[in-house]
């Protein structure tokens, strides 16, 4: 069964980036090398600070959009209080 991930990166300048992928390790590597997206390319280095795993594409995509709509404080609280073990 395919897995999907919603993730949060902390970037240079303490910016947060919320993303979605089916291969978290590869996507993180892309971001760290400057090939992830324009936003993170200009804000290196990046660090994975949070992720969630899903079995369903639409649930993951909806969760990504939900988190993107939150204010900064709510995103920081998600990171602080729900930090999953074994960050990649």
PDB file of N, CA and C in Angstrom:
ATOM      1  N   UNK A   1       0.843  -1.186   0.000  1.00  0.00           N
ATOM      2  CA  UNK A   1       0.000   0.000   0.000  1.00  0.00           C
ATOM      3  C   UNK A   1       0.886   1.246   0.000  1.00  0.00           C
ATOM      4  N   UNK A   2       0.578   2.167  -0.862  1.00  0.00           N
ATOM      5  CA  UNK A   2       1.344   3.397  -0.983  1.00  0.00           C
ATOM      6  C   UNK A   2       1.102   4.306   0.217  1.00  0.00           C
ATOM      7  N   UNK A   3       2.156   4.974   0.655  1.00  0.00           N
ATOM      8  CA  UNK A   3       2.091   5.908   1.774  1.00  0.00           C
ATOM      9  C   UNK A   3       2.260   7.327   1.251  1.00  0.00           C
ATOM     10  N   UNK A   4       1.623   8.259   1.942  1.00  0.00           N
ATOM     11  CA  UNK A   4       1.724   9.676   1.619  1.00  0.00           C
ATOM     12  C   UNK A   4       2.087  10.431   2.884  1.00  0.00           C
ATOM     13  N   UNK A   5       2.840  11.480   2.729  1.00  0.00           N
ATOM     14  CA  UNK A   5       3.331  12.249   3.869  1.00  0.00           C
ATOM     15  C   UNK A   5       3.019  13.726   3.703  1.00  0.00           C
ATOM     16  N   UNK A   6       2.598  14.319   4.799  1.00  0.00           N
ATOM     17  CA  UNK A   6       2.508  15.770   4.915  1.00  0.00           C
ATOM     18  C   UNK A   6       3.634  16.138   5.866  1.00  0.00           C
ATOM     19  N   UNK A   7       4.411  17.135   5.492  1.00  0.00           N
ATOM     20  CA  UNK A   7       5.594  17.447   6.292  1.00  0.00           C
ATOM     21  C   UNK A   7       5.766  18.951   6.448  1.00  0.00           C
ATOM     22  N   UNK A   8       6.516  19.296   7.488  1.00  0.00           N
ATOM     23  CA  UNK A   8       6.856  20.699   7.732  1.00  0.00           C
ATOM     24  C   UNK A   8       8.369  20.799   7.824  1.00  0.00           C
ATOM     25  N   UNK A   9       8.919  21.749   7.075  1.00  0.00           N
ATOM     26  CA  UNK A   9      10.338  22.058   7.138  1.00  0.00           C
ATOM     27  C   UNK A   9      10.524  23.413   7.800  1.00  0.00           C
ATOM     28  N   UNK A  10      11.565  23.513   8.609  1.00  0.00           N
ATOM     29  CA  UNK A  10      11.968  24.812   9.130  1.00  0.00           C
ATOM     30  C   UNK A  10      13.142  25.268   8.258  1.00  0.00           C
ATOM     31  N   UNK A  11      13.006  26.440   7.694  1.00  0.00           N
ATOM     32  CA  UNK A  11      13.993  26.954   6.740  1.00  0.00           C
ATOM     33  C   UNK A  11      14.779  28.111   7.353  1.00  0.00           C
ATOM     34  N   UNK A  12      15.811  28.513   6.635  1.00  0.00           N
ATOM     35  CA  UNK A  12      16.598  29.685   7.024  1.00  0.00           C
ATOM     36  C   UNK A  12      15.650  30.854   7.290  1.00  0.00           C
ATOM     37  N   UNK A  13      15.929  31.608   8.321  1.00  0.00           N
ATOM     38  CA  UNK A  13      15.076  32.725   8.679  1.00  0.00           C
ATOM     39  C   UNK A  13      13.860  32.286   9.488  1.00  0.00           C
ATOM     40  N   UNK A  14      13.845  31.023   9.917  1.00  0.00           N
ATOM     41  CA  UNK A  14      12.765  30.444  10.721  1.00  0.00           C
ATOM     42  C   UNK A  14      11.440  30.371   9.962  1.00  0.00           C
ATOM     43  N   UNK A  15      11.499  30.368   8.635  1.00  0.00           N
ATOM     44  CA  UNK A  15      10.305  30.184   7.810  1.00  0.00           C
ATOM     45  C   UNK A  15       9.868  28.730   7.871  1.00  0.00           C
ATOM     46  N   UNK A  16       8.569  28.498   7.755  1.00  0.00           N
ATOM     47  CA  UNK A  16       8.039  27.141   7.703  1.00  0.00           C
ATOM     48  C   UNK A  16       7.527  26.848   6.300  1.00  0.00           C
ATOM     49  N   UNK A  17       7.785  25.632   5.841  1.00  0.00           N
ATOM     50  CA  UNK A  17       7.296  25.174   4.547  1.00  0.00           C
ATOM     51  C   UNK A  17       6.489  23.899   4.782  1.00  0.00           C
ATOM     52  N   UNK A  18       5.277  23.850   4.276  1.00  0.00           N
ATOM     53  CA  UNK A  18       4.422  22.670   4.396  1.00  0.00           C
ATOM     54  C   UNK A  18       4.344  22.025   3.026  1.00  0.00           C
ATOM     55  N   UNK A  19       4.600  20.724   2.988  1.00  0.00           N
ATOM     56  CA  UNK A  19       4.586  20.009   1.727  1.00  0.00           C
ATOM     57  C   UNK A  19       3.906  18.659   1.823  1.00  0.00           C
ATOM     58  N   UNK A  20       3.854  17.986   0.681  1.00  0.00           N
ATOM     59  CA  UNK A  20       3.165  16.720   0.525  1.00  0.00           C
ATOM     60  C   UNK A  20       3.986  15.859  -0.428  1.00  0.00           C
ATOM     61  N   UNK A  21       4.146  14.567  -0.121  1.00  0.00           N
ATOM     62  CA  UNK A  21       4.918  13.687  -0.983  1.00  0.00           C
ATOM     63  C   UNK A  21       4.561  12.227  -0.725  1.00  0.00           C
ATOM     64  N   UNK A  22       4.945  11.371  -1.651  1.00  0.00           N
ATOM     65  CA  UNK A  22       4.799   9.930  -1.441  1.00  0.00           C
ATOM     66  C   UNK A  22       6.143   9.292  -1.100  1.00  0.00           C
ATOM     67  N   UNK A  23       7.213  10.077  -1.116  1.00  0.00           N
ATOM     68  CA  UNK A  23       8.539   9.572  -0.759  1.00  0.00           C
ATOM     69  C   UNK A  23       9.252  10.639   0.064  1.00  0.00           C
ATOM     70  N   UNK A  24       9.106  10.552   1.369  1.00  0.00           N
ATOM     71  CA  UNK A  24       9.616  11.599   2.258  1.00  0.00           C
ATOM     72  C   UNK A  24      11.134  11.714   2.215  1.00  0.00           C
ATOM     73  N   UNK A  25      11.836  10.610   2.217  1.00  0.00           N
ATOM     74  CA  UNK A  25      13.304  10.676   2.203  1.00  0.00           C
ATOM     75  C   UNK A  25      13.823  11.342   0.935  1.00  0.00           C
ATOM     76  N   UNK A  26      13.270  10.962  -0.209  1.00  0.00           N
ATOM     77  CA  UNK A  26      13.709  11.560  -1.464  1.00  0.00           C
ATOM     78  C   UNK A  26      13.367  13.042  -1.516  1.00  0.00           C
ATOM     79  N   UNK A  27      12.159  13.382  -1.086  1.00  0.00           N
ATOM     80  CA  UNK A  27      11.732  14.787  -1.131  1.00  0.00           C
ATOM     81  C   UNK A  27      12.577  15.648  -0.200  1.00  0.00           C
ATOM     82  N   UNK A  28      12.895  15.129   0.971  1.00  0.00           N
ATOM     83  CA  UNK A  28      13.745  15.867   1.899  1.00  0.00           C
ATOM     84  C   UNK A  28      15.133  16.077   1.292  1.00  0.00           C
ATOM     85  N   UNK A  29      15.646  15.053   0.658  1.00  0.00           N
ATOM     86  CA  UNK A  29      16.938  15.171  -0.017  1.00  0.00           C
ATOM     87  C   UNK A  29      16.883  16.240  -1.114  1.00  0.00           C
ATOM     88  N   UNK A  30      15.787  16.255  -1.873  1.00  0.00           N
ATOM     89  CA  UNK A  30      15.607  17.283  -2.903  1.00  0.00           C
ATOM     90  C   UNK A  30      15.647  18.679  -2.299  1.00  0.00           C
ATOM     91  N   UNK A  31      14.903  18.874  -1.220  1.00  0.00           N
ATOM     92  CA  UNK A  31      14.879  20.193  -0.570  1.00  0.00           C
ATOM     93  C   UNK A  31      16.264  20.580  -0.071  1.00  0.00           C
ATOM     94  N   UNK A  32      16.945  19.653   0.584  1.00  0.00           N
ATOM     95  CA  UNK A  32      18.265  19.964   1.160  1.00  0.00           C
ATOM     96  C   UNK A  32      19.305  20.296   0.094  1.00  0.00           C
ATOM     97  N   UNK A  33      19.143  19.734  -1.090  1.00  0.00           N
ATOM     98  CA  UNK A  33      20.106  19.998  -2.168  1.00  0.00           C
ATOM     99  C   UNK A  33      19.749  21.241  -2.981  1.00  0.00           C
ATOM    100  N   UNK A  34      18.613  21.868  -2.660  1.00  0.00           N
ATOM    101  CA  UNK A  34      18.197  23.060  -3.394  1.00  0.00           C
ATOM    102  C   UNK A  34      17.334  22.755  -4.601  1.00  0.00           C
ATOM    103  N   UNK A  35      16.913  21.505  -4.751  1.00  0.00           N
ATOM    104  CA  UNK A  35      16.101  21.101  -5.899  1.00  0.00           C
ATOM    105  C   UNK A  35      14.651  20.799  -5.525  1.00  0.00           C
ATOM    106  N   UNK A  36      14.245  21.140  -4.313  1.00  0.00           N
ATOM    107  CA  UNK A  36      12.896  20.814  -3.859  1.00  0.00           C
ATOM    108  C   UNK A  36      11.835  21.713  -4.458  1.00  0.00           C
ATOM    109  N   UNK A  37      11.987  23.005  -4.263  1.00  0.00           N
ATOM    110  CA  UNK A  37      11.067  24.001  -4.812  1.00  0.00           C
ATOM    111  C   UNK A  37      11.721  25.369  -4.672  1.00  0.00           C
ATOM    112  N   UNK A  38      11.170  26.347  -5.335  1.00  0.00           N
ATOM    113  CA  UNK A  38      11.753  27.688  -5.314  1.00  0.00           C
ATOM    114  C   UNK A  38      11.786  28.270  -3.902  1.00  0.00           C
ATOM    115  N   UNK A  39      10.719  28.036  -3.132  1.00  0.00           N
ATOM    116  CA  UNK A  39      10.656  28.589  -1.777  1.00  0.00           C
ATOM    117  C   UNK A  39      11.823  28.102  -0.928  1.00  0.00           C
ATOM    118  N   UNK A  40      12.042  26.799  -0.882  1.00  0.00           N
ATOM    119  CA  UNK A  40      13.106  26.270  -0.022  1.00  0.00           C
ATOM    120  C   UNK A  40      14.491  26.471  -0.641  1.00  0.00           C
ATOM    121  N   UNK A  41      14.567  26.520  -1.950  1.00  0.00           N
ATOM    122  CA  UNK A  41      15.852  26.721  -2.625  1.00  0.00           C
ATOM    123  C   UNK A  41      16.520  28.003  -2.143  1.00  0.00           C
ATOM    124  N   UNK A  42      15.724  29.019  -1.906  1.00  0.00           N
ATOM    125  CA  UNK A  42      16.248  30.317  -1.471  1.00  0.00           C
ATOM    126  C   UNK A  42      16.309  30.473   0.036  1.00  0.00           C
ATOM    127  N   UNK A  43      16.009  29.388   0.760  1.00  0.00           N
ATOM    128  CA  UNK A  43      15.990  29.473   2.221  1.00  0.00           C
ATOM    129  C   UNK A  43      16.717  28.295   2.860  1.00  0.00           C
ATOM    130  N   UNK A  44      17.828  27.893   2.262  1.00  0.00           N
ATOM    131  CA  UNK A  44      18.628  26.804   2.820  1.00  0.00           C
ATOM    132  C   UNK A  44      19.450  27.317   3.991  1.00  0.00           C
ATOM    133  N   UNK A  45      19.727  26.479   4.973  1.00  0.00           N
ATOM    134  CA  UNK A  45      19.383  25.057   5.053  1.00  0.00           C
ATOM    135  C   UNK A  45      17.949  24.843   5.540  1.00  0.00           C
ATOM    136  N   UNK A  46      17.457  23.623   5.315  1.00  0.00           N
ATOM    137  CA  UNK A  46      16.129  23.236   5.774  1.00  0.00           C
ATOM    138  C   UNK A  46      16.258  22.045   6.723  1.00  0.00           C
ATOM    139  N   UNK A  47      15.289  21.940   7.626  1.00  0.00           N
ATOM    140  CA  UNK A  47      15.290  20.835   8.583  1.00  0.00           C
ATOM    141  C   UNK A  47      13.863  20.311   8.711  1.00  0.00           C
ATOM    142  N   UNK A  48      13.710  18.997   8.612  1.00  0.00           N
ATOM    143  CA  UNK A  48      12.406  18.382   8.825  1.00  0.00           C
ATOM    144  C   UNK A  48      12.067  18.467  10.303  1.00  0.00           C
ATOM    145  N   UNK A  49      10.923  19.096  10.626  1.00  0.00           N
ATOM    146  CA  UNK A  49      10.543  19.250  12.032  1.00  0.00           C
ATOM    147  C   UNK A  49       9.236  18.538  12.367  1.00  0.00           C
ATOM    148  N   UNK A  50       8.517  18.063  11.338  1.00  0.00           N
ATOM    149  CA  UNK A  50       7.245  17.392  11.594  1.00  0.00           C
ATOM    150  C   UNK A  50       6.790  16.657  10.345  1.00  0.00           C
ATOM    151  N   UNK A  51       6.134  15.512  10.558  1.00  0.00           N
ATOM    152  CA  UNK A  51       5.472  14.846   9.442  1.00  0.00           C
ATOM    153  C   UNK A  51       4.348  13.954   9.947  1.00  0.00           C
ATOM    154  N   UNK A  52       3.422  13.670   9.048  1.00  0.00           N
ATOM    155  CA  UNK A  52       2.325  12.742   9.300  1.00  0.00           C
ATOM    156  C   UNK A  52       2.270  11.783   8.118  1.00  0.00           C
ATOM    157  N   UNK A  53       1.919  10.532   8.395  1.00  0.00           N
ATOM    158  CA  UNK A  53       1.834   9.504   7.351  1.00  0.00           C
ATOM    159  C   UNK A  53       0.380   9.121   7.129  1.00  0.00           C
ATOM    160  N   UNK A  54       0.018   8.927   5.848  1.00  0.00           N
ATOM    161  CA  UNK A  54      -1.346   8.578   5.460  1.00  0.00           C
ATOM    162  C   UNK A  54      -1.326   7.424   4.463  1.00  0.00           C
ATOM    163  N   UNK A  55      -2.405   6.655   4.445  1.00  0.00           N
ATOM    164  CA  UNK A  55      -2.591   5.594   3.453  1.00  0.00           C
ATOM    165  C   UNK A  55      -3.446   6.055   2.290  1.00  0.00           C
ATOM    166  N   UNK A  56      -4.051   7.221   2.419  1.00  0.00           N
ATOM    167  CA  UNK A  56      -4.997   7.722   1.430  1.00  0.00           C
ATOM    168  C   UNK A  56      -4.536   9.072   0.880  1.00  0.00           C
ATOM    169  N   UNK A  57      -4.442   9.164  -0.443  1.00  0.00           N
ATOM    170  CA  UNK A  57      -3.969  10.380  -1.108  1.00  0.00           C
ATOM    171  C   UNK A  57      -4.802  11.601  -0.723  1.00  0.00           C
ATOM    172  N   UNK A  58      -6.119  11.498  -0.821  1.00  0.00           N
ATOM    173  CA  UNK A  58      -6.975  12.663  -0.569  1.00  0.00           C
ATOM    174  C   UNK A  58      -6.918  13.112   0.890  1.00  0.00           C
ATOM    175  N   UNK A  59      -6.834  12.185   1.820  1.00  0.00           N
ATOM    176  CA  UNK A  59      -6.718  12.576   3.239  1.00  0.00           C
ATOM    177  C   UNK A  59      -5.430  13.349   3.471  1.00  0.00           C
ATOM    178  N   UNK A  60      -4.346  12.895   2.848  1.00  0.00           N
ATOM    179  CA  UNK A  60      -3.064  13.589   2.993  1.00  0.00           C
ATOM    180  C   UNK A  60      -3.119  14.973   2.356  1.00  0.00           C
ATOM    181  N   UNK A  61      -3.665  15.052   1.162  1.00  0.00           N
ATOM    182  CA  UNK A  61      -3.740  16.339   0.468  1.00  0.00           C
ATOM    183  C   UNK A  61      -4.625  17.324   1.233  1.00  0.00           C
ATOM    184  N   UNK A  62      -5.739  16.844   1.764  1.00  0.00           N
ATOM    185  CA  UNK A  62      -6.616  17.704   2.559  1.00  0.00           C
ATOM    186  C   UNK A  62      -5.927  18.175   3.840  1.00  0.00           C
ATOM    187  N   UNK A  63      -5.141  17.291   4.450  1.00  0.00           N
ATOM    188  CA  UNK A  63      -4.420  17.676   5.670  1.00  0.00           C
ATOM    189  C   UNK A  63      -3.366  18.735   5.357  1.00  0.00           C
ATOM    190  N   UNK A  64      -2.672  18.579   4.239  1.00  0.00           N
ATOM    191  CA  UNK A  64      -1.690  19.581   3.841  1.00  0.00           C
ATOM    192  C   UNK A  64      -2.368  20.944   3.704  1.00  0.00           C
ATOM    193  N   UNK A  65      -3.485  20.987   3.012  1.00  0.00           N
ATOM    194  CA  UNK A  65      -4.208  22.253   2.827  1.00  0.00           C
ATOM    195  C   UNK A  65      -4.711  22.819   4.143  1.00  0.00           C
ATOM    196  N   UNK A  66      -5.156  21.937   5.038  1.00  0.00           N
ATOM    197  CA  UNK A  66      -5.617  22.393   6.349  1.00  0.00           C
ATOM    198  C   UNK A  66      -4.487  23.091   7.108  1.00  0.00           C
ATOM    199  N   UNK A  67      -3.327  22.438   7.184  1.00  0.00           N
ATOM    200  CA  UNK A  67      -2.192  23.009   7.917  1.00  0.00           C
ATOM    201  C   UNK A  67      -1.727  24.311   7.263  1.00  0.00           C
ATOM    202  N   UNK A  68      -1.698  24.361   5.955  1.00  0.00           N
ATOM    203  CA  UNK A  68      -1.295  25.589   5.259  1.00  0.00           C
ATOM    204  C   UNK A  68      -2.208  26.764   5.612  1.00  0.00           C
ATOM    205  N   UNK A  69      -3.458  26.485   5.940  1.00  0.00           N
ATOM    206  CA  UNK A  69      -4.398  27.540   6.284  1.00  0.00           C
ATOM    207  C   UNK A  69      -4.301  28.034   7.713  1.00  0.00           C
ATOM    208  N   UNK A  70      -3.524  27.346   8.526  1.00  0.00           N
ATOM    209  CA  UNK A  70      -3.385  27.738   9.931  1.00  0.00           C
ATOM    210  C   UNK A  70      -2.457  28.930  10.087  1.00  0.00           C
ATOM    211  N   UNK A  71      -2.631  29.631  11.212  1.00  0.00           N
ATOM    212  CA  UNK A  71      -1.705  30.719  11.525  1.00  0.00           C
ATOM    213  C   UNK A  71      -0.396  30.134  12.068  1.00  0.00           C
ATOM    214  N   UNK A  72       0.603  30.977  12.168  1.00  0.00           N
ATOM    215  CA  UNK A  72       1.944  30.544  12.579  1.00  0.00           C
ATOM    216  C   UNK A  72       1.935  29.877  13.949  1.00  0.00           C
ATOM    217  N   UNK A  73       1.216  30.449  14.899  1.00  0.00           N
ATOM    218  CA  UNK A  73       1.205  29.913  16.263  1.00  0.00           C
ATOM    219  C   UNK A  73       0.656  28.479  16.284  1.00  0.00           C
ATOM    220  N   UNK A  74      -0.389  28.236  15.539  1.00  0.00           N
ATOM    221  CA  UNK A  74      -0.986  26.902  15.517  1.00  0.00           C
ATOM    222  C   UNK A  74      -0.027  25.894  14.877  1.00  0.00           C
ATOM    223  N   UNK A  75       0.680  26.297  13.841  1.00  0.00           N
ATOM    224  CA  UNK A  75       1.678  25.417  13.213  1.00  0.00           C
ATOM    225  C   UNK A  75       2.817  25.106  14.190  1.00  0.00           C
ATOM    226  N   UNK A  76       3.284  26.130  14.894  1.00  0.00           N
ATOM    227  CA  UNK A  76       4.362  25.927  15.872  1.00  0.00           C
ATOM    228  C   UNK A  76       3.916  24.989  16.993  1.00  0.00           C
ATOM    229  N   UNK A  77       2.672  25.121  17.425  1.00  0.00           N
ATOM    230  CA  UNK A  77       2.164  24.223  18.465  1.00  0.00           C
ATOM    231  C   UNK A  77       2.067  22.784  17.963  1.00  0.00           C
ATOM    232  N   UNK A  78       1.689  22.600  16.721  1.00  0.00           N
ATOM    233  CA  UNK A  78       1.652  21.260  16.138  1.00  0.00           C
ATOM    234  C   UNK A  78       3.049  20.644  16.196  1.00  0.00           C
ATOM    235  N   UNK A  79       4.036  21.403  15.820  1.00  0.00           N
ATOM    236  CA  UNK A  79       5.424  20.925  15.843  1.00  0.00           C
ATOM    237  C   UNK A  79       5.861  20.627  17.275  1.00  0.00           C
ATOM    238  N   UNK A  80       5.585  21.541  18.164  1.00  0.00           N
ATOM    239  CA  UNK A  80       6.063  21.432  19.546  1.00  0.00           C
ATOM    240  C   UNK A  80       5.431  20.264  20.301  1.00  0.00           C
ATOM    241  N   UNK A  81       4.137  20.083  20.158  1.00  0.00           N
ATOM    242  CA  UNK A  81       3.423  19.110  20.980  1.00  0.00           C
ATOM    243  C   UNK A  81       3.154  17.775  20.301  1.00  0.00           C
ATOM    244  N   UNK A  82       3.456  17.650  19.034  1.00  0.00           N
ATOM    245  CA  UNK A  82       3.189  16.408  18.313  1.00  0.00           C
ATOM    246  C   UNK A  82       4.391  15.962  17.515  1.00  0.00           C
ATOM    247  N   UNK A  83       5.554  16.150  18.065  1.00  0.00           N
ATOM    248  CA  UNK A  83       6.786  15.826  17.379  1.00  0.00           C
ATOM    249  C   UNK A  83       6.948  14.304  17.300  1.00  0.00           C
ATOM    250  N   UNK A  84       6.757  13.715  16.105  1.00  0.00           N
ATOM    251  CA  UNK A  84       6.864  12.253  16.002  1.00  0.00           C
ATOM    252  C   UNK A  84       8.301  11.768  16.194  1.00  0.00           C
ATOM    253  N   UNK A  85       8.429  10.619  16.798  1.00  0.00           N
ATOM    254  CA  UNK A  85       9.759  10.029  16.988  1.00  0.00           C
ATOM    255  C   UNK A  85      10.302   9.596  15.632  1.00  0.00           C
ATOM    256  N   UNK A  86      11.597   9.589  15.519  1.00  0.00           N
ATOM    257  CA  UNK A  86      12.236   9.084  14.302  1.00  0.00           C
ATOM    258  C   UNK A  86      12.140  10.008  13.108  1.00  0.00           C
ATOM    259  N   UNK A  87      12.258  11.298  13.341  1.00  0.00           N
ATOM    260  CA  UNK A  87      12.268  12.240  12.217  1.00  0.00           C
ATOM    261  C   UNK A  87      13.373  11.808  11.251  1.00  0.00           C
ATOM    262  N   UNK A  88      13.032  11.813   9.997  1.00  0.00           N
ATOM    263  CA  UNK A  88      13.950  11.339   8.944  1.00  0.00           C
ATOM    264  C   UNK A  88      15.179  12.229   8.876  1.00  0.00           C
TER     265      UNK A  88
END
